[in-house]
PDB file of all heavy atoms in Angstrom:
ATOM      1  N   ARG A   1      93.462 119.481 105.665  1.00  0.00           N
ATOM      2  CA  ARG A   1      93.684 118.519 104.582  1.00  0.00           C
ATOM      3  C   ARG A   1      92.481 118.493 103.654  1.00  0.00           C
ATOM      4  O   ARG A   1      91.325 118.585 104.099  1.00  0.00           O
ATOM      5  CB  ARG A   1      93.906 117.111 105.154  1.00  0.00           C
ATOM      6  CG  ARG A   1      95.154 116.968 105.996  1.00  0.00           C
ATOM      7  CD  ARG A   1      95.277 115.549 106.517  1.00  0.00           C
ATOM      8  NE  ARG A   1      95.304 114.578 105.434  1.00  0.00           N
ATOM      9  CZ  ARG A   1      95.187 113.265 105.603  1.00  0.00           C
ATOM     10  NH1 ARG A   1      95.037 112.780 106.836  1.00  0.00           N
ATOM     11  NH2 ARG A   1      95.240 112.445 104.580  1.00  0.00           N
ATOM     12  N   LYS A   2      92.729 118.371 102.366  1.00  0.00           N
ATOM     13  CA  LYS A   2      91.667 118.275 101.387  1.00  0.00           C
ATOM     14  C   LYS A   2      91.302 116.815 101.164  1.00  0.00           C
ATOM     15  O   LYS A   2      92.168 115.982 100.924  1.00  0.00           O
ATOM     16  CB  LYS A   2      92.092 118.922 100.070  1.00  0.00           C
ATOM     17  CG  LYS A   2      92.227 120.433 100.159  1.00  0.00           C
ATOM     18  CD  LYS A   2      92.554 121.036  98.800  1.00  0.00           C
ATOM     19  CE  LYS A   2      92.616 122.553  98.896  1.00  0.00           C
ATOM     20  NZ  LYS A   2      92.920 123.184  97.573  1.00  0.00           N
ATOM     21  N   ILE A   3      90.002 116.535 101.306  1.00  0.00           N
ATOM     22  CA  ILE A   3      89.512 115.178 101.115  1.00  0.00           C
ATOM     23  C   ILE A   3      88.256 115.234 100.255  1.00  0.00           C
ATOM     24  O   ILE A   3      87.637 116.288 100.095  1.00  0.00           O
ATOM     25  CB  ILE A   3      89.182 114.480 102.457  1.00  0.00           C
ATOM     26  CG1 ILE A   3      88.084 115.259 103.199  1.00  0.00           C
ATOM     27  CG2 ILE A   3      90.424 114.341 103.319  1.00  0.00           C
ATOM     28  CD1 ILE A   3      87.574 114.562 104.438  1.00  0.00           C
ATOM     29  N   GLU A   4      87.889 114.072  99.690  1.00  0.00           N
ATOM     30  CA  GLU A   4      86.645 113.972  98.944  1.00  0.00           C
ATOM     31  C   GLU A   4      85.572 113.406  99.859  1.00  0.00           C
ATOM     32  O   GLU A   4      85.803 112.414 100.579  1.00  0.00           O
ATOM     33  CB  GLU A   4      86.818 113.090  97.713  1.00  0.00           C
ATOM     34  CG  GLU A   4      87.691 113.730  96.641  1.00  0.00           C
ATOM     35  CD  GLU A   4      87.734 112.892  95.391  1.00  0.00           C
ATOM     36  OE1 GLU A   4      87.913 111.657  95.514  1.00  0.00           O
ATOM     37  OE2 GLU A   4      87.585 113.447  94.300  1.00  0.00           O
ATOM     38  N   ALA A   5      84.397 114.031  99.820  1.00  0.00           N
ATOM     39  CA  ALA A   5      83.330 113.631 100.733  1.00  0.00           C
ATOM     40  C   ALA A   5      81.977 113.874 100.087  1.00  0.00           C
ATOM     41  O   ALA A   5      81.849 114.637  99.122  1.00  0.00           O
ATOM     42  CB  ALA A   5      83.439 114.406 102.035  1.00  0.00           C
ATOM     43  N   THR A   6      80.960 113.196 100.621  1.00  0.00           N
ATOM     44  CA  THR A   6      79.583 113.493 100.228  1.00  0.00           C
ATOM     45  C   THR A   6      79.025 114.495 101.215  1.00  0.00           C
ATOM     46  O   THR A   6      79.323 114.458 102.415  1.00  0.00           O
ATOM     47  CB  THR A   6      78.721 112.224 100.209  1.00  0.00           C
ATOM     48  OG1 THR A   6      78.810 111.569 101.486  1.00  0.00           O
ATOM     49  CG2 THR A   6      79.207 111.256  99.140  1.00  0.00           C
ATOM     50  N   LEU A   7      78.194 115.391 100.698  1.00  0.00           N
ATOM     51  CA  LEU A   7      77.639 116.460 101.520  1.00  0.00           C
ATOM     52  C   LEU A   7      76.126 116.378 101.547  1.00  0.00           C
ATOM     53  O   LEU A   7      75.486 115.955 100.570  1.00  0.00           O
ATOM     54  CB  LEU A   7      78.070 117.828 100.980  1.00  0.00           C
ATOM     55  CG  LEU A   7      79.568 118.081 100.815  1.00  0.00           C
ATOM     56  CD1 LEU A   7      79.798 119.464 100.216  1.00  0.00           C
ATOM     57  CD2 LEU A   7      80.286 117.946 102.149  1.00  0.00           C
ATOM     58  N   SER A   8      75.548 116.815 102.676  1.00  0.00           N
ATOM     59  CA  SER A   8      74.098 116.929 102.766  1.00  0.00           C
ATOM     60  C   SER A   8      73.644 118.189 102.044  1.00  0.00           C
ATOM     61  O   SER A   8      74.467 119.005 101.595  1.00  0.00           O
ATOM     62  CB  SER A   8      73.675 116.976 104.235  1.00  0.00           C
ATOM     63  OG  SER A   8      74.124 118.192 104.830  1.00  0.00           O
ATOM     64  N   ALA A   9      72.331 118.366 101.935  1.00  0.00           N
ATOM     65  CA  ALA A   9      71.795 119.551 101.271  1.00  0.00           C
ATOM     66  C   ALA A   9      72.230 120.831 101.964  1.00  0.00           C
ATOM     67  O   ALA A   9      72.366 121.883 101.335  1.00  0.00           O
ATOM     68  CB  ALA A   9      70.274 119.463 101.223  1.00  0.00           C
ATOM     69  N   SER A  10      72.496 120.753 103.279  1.00  0.00           N
ATOM     70  CA  SER A  10      72.921 121.935 104.037  1.00  0.00           C
ATOM     71  C   SER A  10      74.437 122.118 104.035  1.00  0.00           C
ATOM     72  O   SER A  10      74.955 123.052 104.639  1.00  0.00           O
ATOM     73  CB  SER A  10      72.410 121.836 105.476  1.00  0.00           C
ATOM     74  OG  SER A  10      72.941 120.679 106.114  1.00  0.00           O
ATOM     75  N   GLY A  11      75.152 121.201 103.380  1.00  0.00           N
ATOM     76  CA  GLY A  11      76.599 121.338 103.271  1.00  0.00           C
ATOM     77  C   GLY A  11      77.396 120.596 104.315  1.00  0.00           C
ATOM     78  O   GLY A  11      78.617 120.717 104.378  1.00  0.00           O
ATOM     79  N   LEU A  12      76.724 119.768 105.142  1.00  0.00           N
ATOM     80  CA  LEU A  12      77.438 118.997 106.156  1.00  0.00           C
ATOM     81  C   LEU A  12      78.038 117.737 105.528  1.00  0.00           C
ATOM     82  O   LEU A  12      77.444 117.129 104.631  1.00  0.00           O
ATOM     83  CB  LEU A  12      76.486 118.603 107.289  1.00  0.00           C
ATOM     84  CG  LEU A  12      75.904 119.747 108.129  1.00  0.00           C
ATOM     85  CD1 LEU A  12      74.897 119.202 109.132  1.00  0.00           C
ATOM     86  CD2 LEU A  12      77.020 120.509 108.842  1.00  0.00           C
ATOM     87  N   VAL A  13      79.222 117.337 105.992  1.00  0.00           N
ATOM     88  CA  VAL A  13      79.858 116.110 105.511  1.00  0.00           C
ATOM     89  C   VAL A  13      79.082 114.910 106.037  1.00  0.00           C
ATOM     90  O   VAL A  13      78.894 114.761 107.242  1.00  0.00           O
ATOM     91  CB  VAL A  13      81.332 116.037 105.959  1.00  0.00           C
ATOM     92  CG1 VAL A  13      81.934 114.680 105.592  1.00  0.00           C
ATOM     93  CG2 VAL A  13      82.138 117.166 105.327  1.00  0.00           C
ATOM     94  N   THR A  14      78.639 114.063 105.137  1.00  0.00           N
ATOM     95  CA  THR A  14      77.896 112.868 105.542  1.00  0.00           C
ATOM     96  C   THR A  14      78.712 111.594 105.402  1.00  0.00           C
ATOM     97  O   THR A  14      78.431 110.592 106.044  1.00  0.00           O
ATOM     98  CB  THR A  14      76.607 112.730 104.708  1.00  0.00           C
ATOM     99  OG1 THR A  14      76.958 112.675 103.321  1.00  0.00           O
ATOM    100  CG2 THR A  14      75.686 113.916 104.947  1.00  0.00           C
ATOM    101  N   SER A  15      79.747 111.615 104.534  1.00  0.00           N
ATOM    102  CA  SER A  15      80.571 110.427 104.364  1.00  0.00           C
ATOM    103  C   SER A  15      81.879 110.806 103.699  1.00  0.00           C
ATOM    104  O   SER A  15      81.917 111.690 102.848  1.00  0.00           O
ATOM    105  CB  SER A  15      79.842 109.381 103.512  1.00  0.00           C
ATOM    106  OG  SER A  15      80.694 108.285 103.235  1.00  0.00           O
ATOM    107  N   VAL A  16      82.955 110.129 104.125  1.00  0.00           N
ATOM    108  CA  VAL A  16      84.251 110.318 103.479  1.00  0.00           C
ATOM    109  C   VAL A  16      84.732 109.009 102.868  1.00  0.00           C
ATOM    110  O   VAL A  16      85.854 108.903 102.404  1.00  0.00           O
ATOM    111  CB  VAL A  16      85.311 110.847 104.475  1.00  0.00           C
ATOM    112  CG1 VAL A  16      84.935 112.235 104.953  1.00  0.00           C
ATOM    113  CG2 VAL A  16      85.482 109.898 105.656  1.00  0.00           C
ATOM    114  N   SER A  17      83.859 107.996 102.861  1.00  0.00           N
ATOM    115  CA  SER A  17      84.204 106.688 102.309  1.00  0.00           C
ATOM    116  C   SER A  17      83.523 106.516 100.962  1.00  0.00           C
ATOM    117  O   SER A  17      82.303 106.694 100.843  1.00  0.00           O
ATOM    118  CB  SER A  17      83.769 105.561 103.252  1.00  0.00           C
ATOM    119  OG  SER A  17      84.421 105.664 104.491  1.00  0.00           O
ATOM    120  N   LYS A  18      84.315 106.187  99.957  1.00  0.00           N
ATOM    121  CA  LYS A  18      83.759 105.898  98.645  1.00  0.00           C
ATOM    122  C   LYS A  18      83.327 104.436  98.616  1.00  0.00           C
ATOM    123  O   LYS A  18      84.149 103.537  98.764  1.00  0.00           O
ATOM    124  CB  LYS A  18      84.776 106.185  97.551  1.00  0.00           C
ATOM    125  CG  LYS A  18      85.064 107.667  97.362  1.00  0.00           C
ATOM    126  CD  LYS A  18      85.934 107.903  96.135  1.00  0.00           C
ATOM    127  CE  LYS A  18      86.109 109.382  95.873  1.00  0.00           C
ATOM    128  NZ  LYS A  18      86.903 109.646  94.647  1.00  0.00           N
ATOM    129  N   ILE A  19      82.035 104.214  98.441  1.00  0.00           N
ATOM    130  CA  ILE A  19      81.494 102.864  98.505  1.00  0.00           C
ATOM    131  C   ILE A  19      81.287 102.339  97.086  1.00  0.00           C
ATOM    132  O   ILE A  19      80.544 102.924  96.293  1.00  0.00           O
ATOM    133  CB  ILE A  19      80.156 102.853  99.271  1.00  0.00           C
ATOM    134  CG1 ILE A  19      80.367 103.409 100.686  1.00  0.00           C
ATOM    135  CG2 ILE A  19      79.581 101.444  99.314  1.00  0.00           C
ATOM    136  CD1 ILE A  19      79.088 103.564 101.468  1.00  0.00           C
ATOM    137  N   PRO A  20      81.946 101.246  96.734  1.00  0.00           N
ATOM    138  CA  PRO A  20      81.773 100.687  95.377  1.00  0.00           C
ATOM    139  C   PRO A  20      80.340 100.233  95.136  1.00  0.00           C
ATOM    140  O   PRO A  20      79.676  99.705  96.030  1.00  0.00           O
ATOM    141  CB  PRO A  20      82.736  99.498  95.359  1.00  0.00           C
ATOM    142  CG  PRO A  20      83.700  99.759  96.459  1.00  0.00           C
ATOM    143  CD  PRO A  20      82.927 100.491  97.507  1.00  0.00           C
ATOM    144  N   SER A  21      79.873 100.433  93.925  1.00  0.00           N
ATOM    145  CA  SER A  21      78.558  99.948  93.545  1.00  0.00           C
ATOM    146  C   SER A  21      78.588  98.427  93.428  1.00  0.00           C
ATOM    147  O   SER A  21      79.587  97.835  93.025  1.00  0.00           O
ATOM    148  CB  SER A  21      78.151 100.564  92.198  1.00  0.00           C
ATOM    149  OG  SER A  21      76.997  99.925  91.683  1.00  0.00           O
ATOM    150  N   VAL A  22      77.474  97.798  93.776  1.00  0.00           N
ATOM    151  CA  VAL A  22      77.364  96.346  93.594  1.00  0.00           C
ATOM    152  C   VAL A  22      76.606  96.033  92.301  1.00  0.00           C
ATOM    153  O   VAL A  22      76.460  94.863  91.931  1.00  0.00           O
ATOM    154  CB  VAL A  22      76.658  95.676  94.792  1.00  0.00           C
ATOM    155  CG1 VAL A  22      77.485  95.837  96.046  1.00  0.00           C
ATOM    156  CG2 VAL A  22      75.259  96.250  95.000  1.00  0.00           C
ATOM    157  N   ASP A  23      76.110  97.066  91.626  1.00  0.00           N
ATOM    158  CA  ASP A  23      75.306  96.876  90.425  1.00  0.00           C
ATOM    159  C   ASP A  23      76.026  97.284  89.139  1.00  0.00           C
ATOM    160  O   ASP A  23      75.688  96.807  88.060  1.00  0.00           O
ATOM    161  CB  ASP A  23      74.008  97.686  90.520  1.00  0.00           C
ATOM    162  CG  ASP A  23      73.198  97.352  91.760  1.00  0.00           C
ATOM    163  OD1 ASP A  23      73.023  96.157  92.031  1.00  0.00           O
ATOM    164  OD2 ASP A  23      72.755  98.282  92.457  1.00  0.00           O
ATOM    165  N   ILE A  24      76.993  98.183  89.254  1.00  0.00           N
ATOM    166  CA  ILE A  24      77.686  98.727  88.098  1.00  0.00           C
ATOM    167  C   ILE A  24      79.173  98.419  88.223  1.00  0.00           C
ATOM    168  O   ILE A  24      79.763  98.592  89.294  1.00  0.00           O
ATOM    169  CB  ILE A  24      77.488 100.258  87.986  1.00  0.00           C
ATOM    170  CG1 ILE A  24      76.003 100.617  88.030  1.00  0.00           C
ATOM    171  CG2 ILE A  24      78.138 100.785  86.719  1.00  0.00           C
ATOM    172  CD1 ILE A  24      75.200 100.107  86.867  1.00  0.00           C
ATOM    173  N   ALA A  25      79.801  97.970  87.139  1.00  0.00           N
ATOM    174  CA  ALA A  25      81.228  97.653  87.170  1.00  0.00           C
ATOM    175  C   ALA A  25      81.814  97.800  85.771  1.00  0.00           C
ATOM    176  O   ALA A  25      81.087  97.862  84.777  1.00  0.00           O
ATOM    177  CB  ALA A  25      81.463  96.235  87.698  1.00  0.00           C
ATOM    178  N   LYS A  26      83.130  97.873  85.710  1.00  0.00           N
ATOM    179  CA  LYS A  26      83.840  97.961  84.429  1.00  0.00           C
ATOM    180  C   LYS A  26      84.515  96.625  84.151  1.00  0.00           C
ATOM    181  O   LYS A  26      85.212  96.081  85.001  1.00  0.00           O
ATOM    182  CB  LYS A  26      84.885  99.073  84.490  1.00  0.00           C
ATOM    183  CG  LYS A  26      85.684  99.247  83.206  1.00  0.00           C
ATOM    184  CD  LYS A  26      86.701 100.376  83.347  1.00  0.00           C
ATOM    185  CE  LYS A  26      87.523 100.543  82.081  1.00  0.00           C
ATOM    186  NZ  LYS A  26      88.525 101.639  82.225  1.00  0.00           N
ATOM    187  N   VAL A  27      84.302  96.107  82.954  1.00  0.00           N
ATOM    188  CA  VAL A  27      84.877  94.810  82.573  1.00  0.00           C
ATOM    189  C   VAL A  27      86.373  94.971  82.316  1.00  0.00           C
ATOM    190  O   VAL A  27      86.780  95.658  81.375  1.00  0.00           O
ATOM    191  CB  VAL A  27      84.178  94.237  81.328  1.00  0.00           C
ATOM    192  CG1 VAL A  27      84.841  92.922  80.913  1.00  0.00           C
ATOM    193  CG2 VAL A  27      82.691  94.033  81.587  1.00  0.00           C
ATOM    194  N   SER A  28      87.179  94.347  83.168  1.00  0.00           N
ATOM    195  CA  SER A  28      88.635  94.417  83.006  1.00  0.00           C
ATOM    196  C   SER A  28      89.166  93.263  82.167  1.00  0.00           C
ATOM    197  O   SER A  28      90.087  93.442  81.372  1.00  0.00           O
ATOM    198  CB  SER A  28      89.309  94.422  84.379  1.00  0.00           C
ATOM    199  OG  SER A  28      88.950  95.571  85.119  1.00  0.00           O
ATOM    200  N   PHE A  29      88.587  92.067  82.360  1.00  0.00           N
ATOM    201  CA  PHE A  29      89.019  90.886  81.611  1.00  0.00           C
ATOM    202  C   PHE A  29      87.788  90.041  81.297  1.00  0.00           C
ATOM    203  O   PHE A  29      86.946  89.807  82.160  1.00  0.00           O
ATOM    204  CB  PHE A  29      90.030  90.052  82.408  1.00  0.00           C
ATOM    205  CG  PHE A  29      91.289  90.794  82.752  1.00  0.00           C
ATOM    206  CD1 PHE A  29      91.418  91.425  83.970  1.00  0.00           C
ATOM    207  CD2 PHE A  29      92.340  90.861  81.848  1.00  0.00           C
ATOM    208  CE1 PHE A  29      92.566  92.126  84.300  1.00  0.00           C
ATOM    209  CE2 PHE A  29      93.496  91.558  82.154  1.00  0.00           C
ATOM    210  CZ  PHE A  29      93.608  92.185  83.376  1.00  0.00           C
ATOM    211  N   ILE A  30      87.709  89.582  80.055  1.00  0.00           N
ATOM    212  CA  ILE A  30      86.575  88.751  79.646  1.00  0.00           C
ATOM    213  C   ILE A  30      87.072  87.724  78.632  1.00  0.00           C
ATOM    214  O   ILE A  30      87.908  88.024  77.776  1.00  0.00           O
ATOM    215  CB  ILE A  30      85.430  89.606  79.056  1.00  0.00           C
ATOM    216  CG1 ILE A  30      84.202  88.749  78.778  1.00  0.00           C
ATOM    217  CG2 ILE A  30      85.886  90.378  77.820  1.00  0.00           C
ATOM    218  CD1 ILE A  30      82.943  89.574  78.475  1.00  0.00           C
ATOM    219  N   GLY A  31      86.571  86.500  78.765  1.00  0.00           N
ATOM    220  CA  GLY A  31      86.955  85.437  77.841  1.00  0.00           C
ATOM    221  C   GLY A  31      85.770  84.980  77.014  1.00  0.00           C
ATOM    222  O   GLY A  31      84.823  85.737  76.768  1.00  0.00           O
ATOM    223  N   ASN A  32      85.790  83.741  76.611  1.00  0.00           N
ATOM    224  CA  ASN A  32      84.721  83.184  75.794  1.00  0.00           C
ATOM    225  C   ASN A  32      83.523  82.792  76.645  1.00  0.00           C
ATOM    226  O   ASN A  32      83.652  82.463  77.831  1.00  0.00           O
ATOM    227  CB  ASN A  32      85.221  81.949  75.047  1.00  0.00           C
ATOM    228  CG  ASN A  32      86.290  82.295  74.034  1.00  0.00           C
ATOM    229  OD1 ASN A  32      86.144  83.222  73.251  1.00  0.00           O
ATOM    230  ND2 ASN A  32      87.386  81.546  74.049  1.00  0.00           N
ATOM    231  N   GLN A  33      82.358  82.805  76.009  1.00  0.00           N
ATOM    232  CA  GLN A  33      81.190  82.214  76.640  1.00  0.00           C
ATOM    233  C   GLN A  33      81.285  80.692  76.517  1.00  0.00           C
ATOM    234  O   GLN A  33      82.008  80.160  75.674  1.00  0.00           O
ATOM    235  CB  GLN A  33      79.902  82.700  75.974  1.00  0.00           C
ATOM    236  CG  GLN A  33      79.600  84.168  76.177  1.00  0.00           C
ATOM    237  CD  GLN A  33      78.176  84.501  75.797  1.00  0.00           C
ATOM    238  OE1 GLN A  33      77.253  84.311  76.581  1.00  0.00           O
ATOM    239  NE2 GLN A  33      78.010  84.992  74.575  1.00  0.00           N
ATOM    240  N   THR A  34      80.528  80.002  77.345  1.00  0.00           N
ATOM    241  CA  THR A  34      80.432  78.553  77.212  1.00  0.00           C
ATOM    242  C   THR A  34      79.376  78.212  76.171  1.00  0.00           C
ATOM    243  O   THR A  34      78.544  79.041  75.809  1.00  0.00           O
ATOM    244  CB  THR A  34      80.061  77.900  78.557  1.00  0.00           C
ATOM    245  OG1 THR A  34      78.836  78.484  79.042  1.00  0.00           O
ATOM    246  CG2 THR A  34      81.154  78.117  79.589  1.00  0.00           C
ATOM    247  N   GLY A  35      79.431  76.978  75.664  1.00  0.00           N
ATOM    248  CA  GLY A  35      78.431  76.542  74.702  1.00  0.00           C
ATOM    249  C   GLY A  35      78.885  76.685  73.255  1.00  0.00           C
ATOM    250  O   GLY A  35      80.062  76.873  72.964  1.00  0.00           O
ATOM    251  N   GLU A  36      77.921  76.612  72.344  1.00  0.00           N
ATOM    252  CA  GLU A  36      78.226  76.574  70.917  1.00  0.00           C
ATOM    253  C   GLU A  36      78.754  77.905  70.388  1.00  0.00           C
ATOM    254  O   GLU A  36      79.577  77.931  69.477  1.00  0.00           O
ATOM    255  CB  GLU A  36      76.969  76.153  70.133  1.00  0.00           C
ATOM    256  CG  GLU A  36      76.519  74.723  70.418  1.00  0.00           C
ATOM    257  CD  GLU A  36      75.318  74.336  69.587  1.00  0.00           C
ATOM    258  OE1 GLU A  36      74.847  75.185  68.783  1.00  0.00           O
ATOM    259  OE2 GLU A  36      74.848  73.191  69.726  1.00  0.00           O
ATOM    260  N   ASP A  37      78.267  79.013  70.926  1.00  0.00           N
ATOM    261  CA  ASP A  37      78.726  80.336  70.476  1.00  0.00           C
ATOM    262  C   ASP A  37      79.644  80.932  71.533  1.00  0.00           C
ATOM    263  O   ASP A  37      79.181  81.417  72.561  1.00  0.00           O
ATOM    264  CB  ASP A  37      77.540  81.267  70.232  1.00  0.00           C
ATOM    265  CG  ASP A  37      77.973  82.628  69.687  1.00  0.00           C
ATOM    266  OD1 ASP A  37      79.190  82.815  69.435  1.00  0.00           O
ATOM    267  OD2 ASP A  37      77.096  83.499  69.510  1.00  0.00           O
TER     268      ASP A  37
END
């Protein structure tokens, strides 16, 4: 089976789980800010 994985420098599979970033994201929905503006 073909899967997506991360590989080590020697080509060994190190992970097959895609881990979401906690620092980077895409804004799907956004409303108004609070306050005067």
